[in-house]
Amino acid sequence: MSMDRSLKSKASLSRHRNVLSRAERIKRLRDEERFKADMAPIGLPKVANRKAPVGGKTKKGPAKEGEAAAADAAAPAAPKK
């Protein structure tokens, strides 16, 4: 039997959120040293909550000069017709 859609698992509840609560915004501002003790908790500056890319494929960049020369020397020359 499958689980009803209204019943969420704990892992799905901890997904990325764009909107932070006031306490989370204050914590993030304190970490960035942008919130001082004399500031009011109302009218806080905006805080970006970006989702970092996870994993993925790495792009192959151009080969280094030494590696490119070794690869050219090791590859057999194509015969011309």
C-alpha atoms as a PDB file:
ATOM      1  CA  MET A   1       0.000   0.000   0.000  1.00  0.00           C
ATOM      2  CA  SER A   2       1.313   3.459  -0.851  1.00  0.00           C
ATOM      3  CA  MET A   3       1.511   6.447   1.465  1.00  0.00           C
ATOM      4  CA  ASP A   4      -1.065   9.199   1.099  1.00  0.00           C
ATOM      5  CA  ARG A   5       0.210  12.445  -0.457  1.00  0.00           C
ATOM      6  CA  SER A   6      -0.843  14.483   2.580  1.00  0.00           C
ATOM      7  CA  LEU A   7       1.587  12.533   4.780  1.00  0.00           C
ATOM      8  CA  LYS A   8       5.052  13.911   4.175  1.00  0.00           C
ATOM      9  CA  SER A   9       8.274  12.218   5.156  1.00  0.00           C
ATOM     10  CA  LYS A  10      10.776  14.105   7.280  1.00  0.00           C
ATOM     11  CA  ALA A  11      13.299  14.370   4.432  1.00  0.00           C
ATOM     12  CA  SER A  12      10.852  16.134   2.124  1.00  0.00           C
ATOM     13  CA  LEU A  13      10.082  18.759   4.763  1.00  0.00           C
ATOM     14  CA  SER A  14      13.732  19.873   4.943  1.00  0.00           C
ATOM     15  CA  ARG A  15      14.012  21.055   1.334  1.00  0.00           C
ATOM     16  CA  HIS A  16      15.483  24.364   0.195  1.00  0.00           C
ATOM     17  CA  ARG A  17      13.392  27.419   1.094  1.00  0.00           C
ATOM     18  CA  ASN A  18      13.756  30.881  -0.424  1.00  0.00           C
ATOM     19  CA  VAL A  19      11.948  32.685   2.403  1.00  0.00           C
ATOM     20  CA  LEU A  20      13.636  32.630   5.807  1.00  0.00           C
ATOM     21  CA  SER A  21      12.017  33.269   9.168  1.00  0.00           C
ATOM     22  CA  ARG A  22      13.032  36.370  11.106  1.00  0.00           C
ATOM     23  CA  ALA A  23      15.205  34.314  13.479  1.00  0.00           C
ATOM     24  CA  GLU A  24      16.988  32.653  10.537  1.00  0.00           C
ATOM     25  CA  ARG A  25      17.583  36.052   8.896  1.00  0.00           C
ATOM     26  CA  ILE A  26      19.030  37.492  12.127  1.00  0.00           C
ATOM     27  CA  LYS A  27      21.306  34.451  12.528  1.00  0.00           C
ATOM     28  CA  ARG A  28      22.562  34.793   8.953  1.00  0.00           C
ATOM     29  CA  LEU A  29      23.125  38.560   9.401  1.00  0.00           C
ATOM     30  CA  ARG A  30      25.082  37.948  12.631  1.00  0.00           C
ATOM     31  CA  ASP A  31      27.268  35.405  10.833  1.00  0.00           C
ATOM     32  CA  GLU A  32      27.966  38.041   8.147  1.00  0.00           C
ATOM     33  CA  GLU A  33      28.497  40.699  10.880  1.00  0.00           C
ATOM     34  CA  ARG A  34      25.716  42.884   9.406  1.00  0.00           C
ATOM     35  CA  PHE A  35      23.420  42.773  12.471  1.00  0.00           C
ATOM     36  CA  LYS A  36      24.307  44.734  15.580  1.00  0.00           C
ATOM     37  CA  ALA A  37      22.820  44.378  19.057  1.00  0.00           C
ATOM     38  CA  ASP A  38      21.194  47.834  18.919  1.00  0.00           C
ATOM     39  CA  MET A  39      19.323  47.111  15.656  1.00  0.00           C
ATOM     40  CA  ALA A  40      15.570  46.467  15.691  1.00  0.00           C
ATOM     41  CA  PRO A  41      14.389  43.025  14.535  1.00  0.00           C
ATOM     42  CA  ILE A  42      11.795  44.720  12.319  1.00  0.00           C
ATOM     43  CA  GLY A  43      12.811  46.070   8.926  1.00  0.00           C
ATOM     44  CA  LEU A  44      15.830  43.804   8.467  1.00  0.00           C
ATOM     45  CA  PRO A  45      17.898  44.017   5.304  1.00  0.00           C
ATOM     46  CA  LYS A  46      17.368  41.363   2.642  1.00  0.00           C
ATOM     47  CA  VAL A  47      19.317  38.129   2.957  1.00  0.00           C
ATOM     48  CA  ALA A  48      20.040  35.983  -0.092  1.00  0.00           C
ATOM     49  CA  ASN A  49      19.348  32.296   0.421  1.00  0.00           C
ATOM     50  CA  ARG A  50      20.926  30.681  -2.629  1.00  0.00           C
ATOM     51  CA  LYS A  51      20.879  26.975  -3.233  1.00  0.00           C
ATOM     52  CA  ALA A  52      24.360  25.668  -3.930  1.00  0.00           C
ATOM     53  CA  PRO A  53      24.698  23.322  -6.903  1.00  0.00           C
ATOM     54  CA  VAL A  54      25.178  19.736  -5.806  1.00  0.00           C
ATOM     55  CA  GLY A  55      27.498  17.364  -7.641  1.00  0.00           C
ATOM     56  CA  GLY A  56      27.187  17.279 -11.391  1.00  0.00           C
ATOM     57  CA  LYS A  57      29.590  16.641 -14.178  1.00  0.00           C
ATOM     58  CA  THR A  58      32.839  18.547 -14.393  1.00  0.00           C
ATOM     59  CA  LYS A  59      33.737  20.186 -17.667  1.00  0.00           C
ATOM     60  CA  LYS A  60      37.030  19.214 -19.191  1.00  0.00           C
ATOM     61  CA  GLY A  61      39.177  22.282 -19.679  1.00  0.00           C
ATOM     62  CA  PRO A  62      41.990  22.706 -22.143  1.00  0.00           C
ATOM     63  CA  ALA A  63      44.929  20.391 -21.539  1.00  0.00           C
ATOM     64  CA  LYS A  64      48.103  21.769 -20.041  1.00  0.00           C
ATOM     65  CA  GLU A  65      50.988  22.511 -22.393  1.00  0.00           C
ATOM     66  CA  GLY A  66      53.095  19.532 -21.301  1.00  0.00           C
ATOM     67  CA  GLU A  67      50.174  17.123 -21.494  1.00  0.00           C
ATOM     68  CA  ALA A  68      49.129  18.390 -24.936  1.00  0.00           C
ATOM     69  CA  ALA A  69      52.634  17.912 -26.345  1.00  0.00           C
ATOM     70  CA  ALA A  70      52.852  14.380 -24.918  1.00  0.00           C
ATOM     71  CA  ALA A  71      49.432  13.489 -26.322  1.00  0.00           C
ATOM     72  CA  ASP A  72      50.401  14.787 -29.789  1.00  0.00           C
ATOM     73  CA  ALA A  73      53.634  12.790 -29.775  1.00  0.00           C
ATOM     74  CA  ALA A  74      51.928   9.590 -28.609  1.00  0.00           C
ATOM     75  CA  ALA A  75      49.096   9.728 -31.169  1.00  0.00           C
ATOM     76  CA  PRO A  76      49.914   8.088 -34.506  1.00  0.00           C
ATOM     77  CA  ALA A  77      49.747  10.326 -37.528  1.00  0.00           C
ATOM     78  CA  ALA A  78      46.785   9.773 -39.828  1.00  0.00           C
ATOM     79  CA  PRO A  79      47.817   8.575 -43.318  1.00  0.00           C
ATOM     80  CA  LYS A  80      47.074  10.991 -46.133  1.00  0.00           C
ATOM     81  CA  LYS A  81      45.313   9.765 -49.272  1.00  0.00           C
END
